Amino acid sequence: MGYQIICTNPKCKQLTWANNIIDLIEKHTDERGRIKCTECGSANAHVFKESRLQEKGETWRRYIRGVITIKTEYKTYTPYIFLTSQTETGEIDGIHFNYYKDTRRKKGGRLKHGHGPGGAPVLTKDELFQLLKKLINYGCLTKKEIQDFLTGV
């Protein structure tokens, strides 16, 4: 599955393309995971996705603003999250869990992108902490918000 990247920088407004999830992560995100325009380098870019829901007539519209990968002990399996917003330039308000499995180096291997079987990725405690650190680095969470949450537990 490919991804059309839309730059919202008023001086650029270019459309670029990522061929698959690995291409999106490796060539179209900055060091923090923000989607960037490969033409102007701006992190003011996104991927727009629309999905029909099982609920009749409803559609899930989201703007993918970033991608955070989670390292695991398995070389071929990578859980990741899309950081989403409900508007083109809005605040990040969604975390969409996914994974990819890249076995293309093996004979007959392929790149699988999905949410199952069995549902979304399962994270170990260490992987969850890795994700929290990356969310703080991205600016989606602050240390104070986490401290406030923990003192209220």
Protein backbone atom coordinates (compact mmCIF):
# COMPACT_ATOMS: atom_id res chain seq x y z
CA MET A 1 0.00 0.00 0.00
CA GLY A 2 1.35 3.42 -0.95
CA TYR A 3 1.02 6.76 0.79
CA GLN A 4 0.47 10.17 -0.82
CA ILE A 5 2.23 12.83 1.24
CA ILE A 6 0.65 16.27 1.18
CA CYS A 7 2.80 19.26 2.12
CA THR A 8 0.89 22.06 3.89
CA ASN A 9 3.78 24.54 3.75
CA PRO A 10 2.20 27.50 1.86
CA LYS A 11 5.43 28.05 -0.10
CA CYS A 12 5.57 24.42 -1.30
CA LYS A 13 2.24 22.50 -1.38
CA GLN A 14 3.92 19.57 -3.17
CA LEU A 15 2.55 16.05 -3.34
CA THR A 16 5.07 13.23 -2.95
CA TRP A 17 4.71 9.47 -2.71
CA ALA A 18 5.94 6.67 -0.45
CA ASN A 19 5.67 3.21 -1.99
CA ASN A 20 5.09 1.34 1.28
CA ILE A 21 5.29 1.70 5.06
CA ILE A 22 9.07 1.22 5.17
CA ASP A 23 9.58 3.85 2.47
CA LEU A 24 7.30 6.22 4.41
CA ILE A 25 9.26 5.71 7.63
CA GLU A 26 12.77 5.78 6.15
CA LYS A 27 12.43 8.56 3.56
CA HIS A 28 9.46 10.69 4.58
CA THR A 29 9.78 11.23 8.35
CA ASP A 30 12.18 13.34 10.37
CA GLU A 31 14.21 12.18 13.38
CA ARG A 32 11.16 12.54 15.65
CA GLY A 33 8.87 10.62 13.30
CA ARG A 34 6.98 13.60 11.87
CA ILE A 35 5.83 13.25 8.26
CA LYS A 36 7.98 15.57 6.16
CA CYS A 37 7.90 16.88 2.62
CA THR A 38 10.83 15.53 0.63
CA GLU A 39 10.67 18.58 -1.65
CA CYS A 40 11.02 21.41 0.91
CA GLY A 41 11.96 19.41 4.03
CA SER A 42 9.10 20.85 6.06
CA ALA A 43 7.54 18.70 8.80
CA ASN A 44 4.22 20.35 7.89
CA ALA A 45 3.06 17.36 5.89
CA HIS A 46 0.58 14.56 6.33
CA VAL A 47 -1.04 11.54 4.73
CA PHE A 48 -4.83 11.65 4.48
CA LYS A 49 -6.64 8.33 4.91
CA GLU A 50 -10.30 7.48 4.77
CA SER A 51 -11.79 4.13 5.77
CA ARG A 52 -15.35 2.91 5.62
CA LEU A 53 -16.51 1.66 8.99
CA GLN A 54 -18.69 -1.35 9.65
CA GLU A 55 -21.32 1.05 10.95
CA LYS A 56 -23.44 1.72 7.89
CA GLY A 57 -22.65 4.96 6.17
CA GLU A 58 -19.86 6.05 8.53
CA THR A 59 -16.33 6.92 7.48
CA TRP A 60 -13.17 7.31 9.56
CA ARG A 61 -11.18 10.28 8.24
CA ARG A 62 -7.76 10.95 9.67
CA TYR A 63 -4.62 12.89 8.92
CA ILE A 64 -1.48 10.87 9.64
CA ARG A 65 1.00 13.40 11.00
CA GLY A 66 3.73 11.07 12.26
CA VAL A 67 4.98 7.49 12.56
CA ILE A 68 6.72 6.07 15.63
CA THR A 69 8.31 2.64 15.36
CA ILE A 70 8.95 0.35 18.32
CA LYS A 71 12.04 -1.84 18.26
CA THR A 72 11.52 -5.48 19.20
CA GLU A 73 13.75 -8.51 19.54
CA TYR A 74 12.51 -9.76 16.14
CA LYS A 75 14.31 -8.45 13.05
CA THR A 76 11.33 -8.93 10.73
CA TYR A 77 8.53 -7.64 13.02
CA THR A 78 8.06 -3.95 13.77
CA PRO A 79 5.08 -2.54 15.68
CA TYR A 80 4.46 1.14 15.06
CA ILE A 81 1.88 3.83 15.64
CA PHE A 82 0.45 6.47 13.39
CA LEU A 83 -0.02 9.79 15.16
CA THR A 84 -3.25 11.22 13.78
CA SER A 85 -5.35 14.35 13.91
CA GLN A 86 -8.93 14.97 12.86
CA THR A 87 -7.97 18.02 10.81
CA GLU A 88 -5.16 18.84 8.40
CA THR A 89 -3.26 21.06 10.84
CA GLY A 90 -4.87 20.10 14.15
CA GLU A 91 -3.31 18.75 17.31
CA ILE A 92 -2.38 15.08 17.46
CA ASP A 93 -5.36 13.40 19.09
CA GLY A 94 -5.11 9.80 17.94
CA ILE A 95 -2.72 6.89 18.23
CA HIS A 96 -3.36 4.15 15.66
CA PHE A 97 -1.51 0.88 16.40
CA ASN A 98 -0.18 -1.20 13.48
CA TYR A 99 2.71 -3.45 12.60
CA TYR A 100 4.65 -4.53 9.59
CA LYS A 101 6.48 -7.76 9.00
CA ASP A 102 9.25 -7.69 6.39
CA THR A 103 10.39 -11.12 5.24
CA ARG A 104 11.36 -10.01 1.70
CA ARG A 105 14.97 -11.13 2.23
CA LYS A 106 13.79 -14.74 2.45
CA LYS A 107 12.80 -16.68 -0.66
CA GLY A 108 9.11 -16.08 -1.22
CA GLY A 109 9.06 -13.45 1.53
CA ARG A 110 6.94 -10.31 1.43
CA LEU A 111 6.13 -7.11 3.24
CA LYS A 112 2.99 -7.55 5.32
CA HIS A 113 1.30 -4.53 6.85
CA GLY A 114 -1.54 -5.01 9.24
CA HIS A 115 -3.33 -5.22 12.50
CA GLY A 116 -3.64 -8.99 12.94
CA PRO A 117 -4.24 -11.87 12.95
CA GLY A 118 -5.13 -11.63 16.57
CA GLY A 119 -5.56 -7.87 16.61
CA ALA A 120 -3.20 -4.99 17.17
CA PRO A 121 0.44 -5.41 18.25
CA VAL A 122 1.12 -6.58 21.77
CA LEU A 123 3.82 -4.57 23.53
CA THR A 124 6.11 -5.71 26.32
CA LYS A 125 6.59 -3.40 29.29
CA ASP A 126 9.95 -2.24 27.89
CA GLU A 127 8.39 -1.55 24.49
CA LEU A 128 5.59 0.46 26.16
CA PHE A 129 8.19 2.58 27.97
CA GLN A 130 10.05 3.02 24.66
CA LEU A 131 6.79 4.29 23.14
CA LEU A 132 6.16 6.68 26.05
CA LYS A 133 9.67 8.16 25.64
CA LYS A 134 9.05 8.68 21.93
CA LEU A 135 5.66 10.30 22.58
CA ILE A 136 7.36 12.73 24.99
CA ASN A 137 10.09 13.43 22.41
CA TYR A 138 7.45 14.00 19.73
CA GLY A 139 5.60 16.45 21.97
CA CYS A 140 2.36 14.45 22.27
CA LEU A 141 2.91 13.94 26.02
CA THR A 142 4.87 15.86 28.61
CA LYS A 143 6.71 14.49 31.62
CA LYS A 144 4.40 16.61 33.78
CA GLU A 145 1.30 15.03 32.24
CA ILE A 146 2.70 11.58 33.02
CA GLN A 147 3.64 12.61 36.56
CA ASP A 148 0.17 14.11 37.11
CA PHE A 149 -1.41 10.92 35.82
CA LEU A 150 0.74 8.72 38.05
CA THR A 151 0.06 10.77 41.19
CA GLY A 152 -3.68 10.40 40.51
CA VAL A 153 -3.50 6.59 40.27
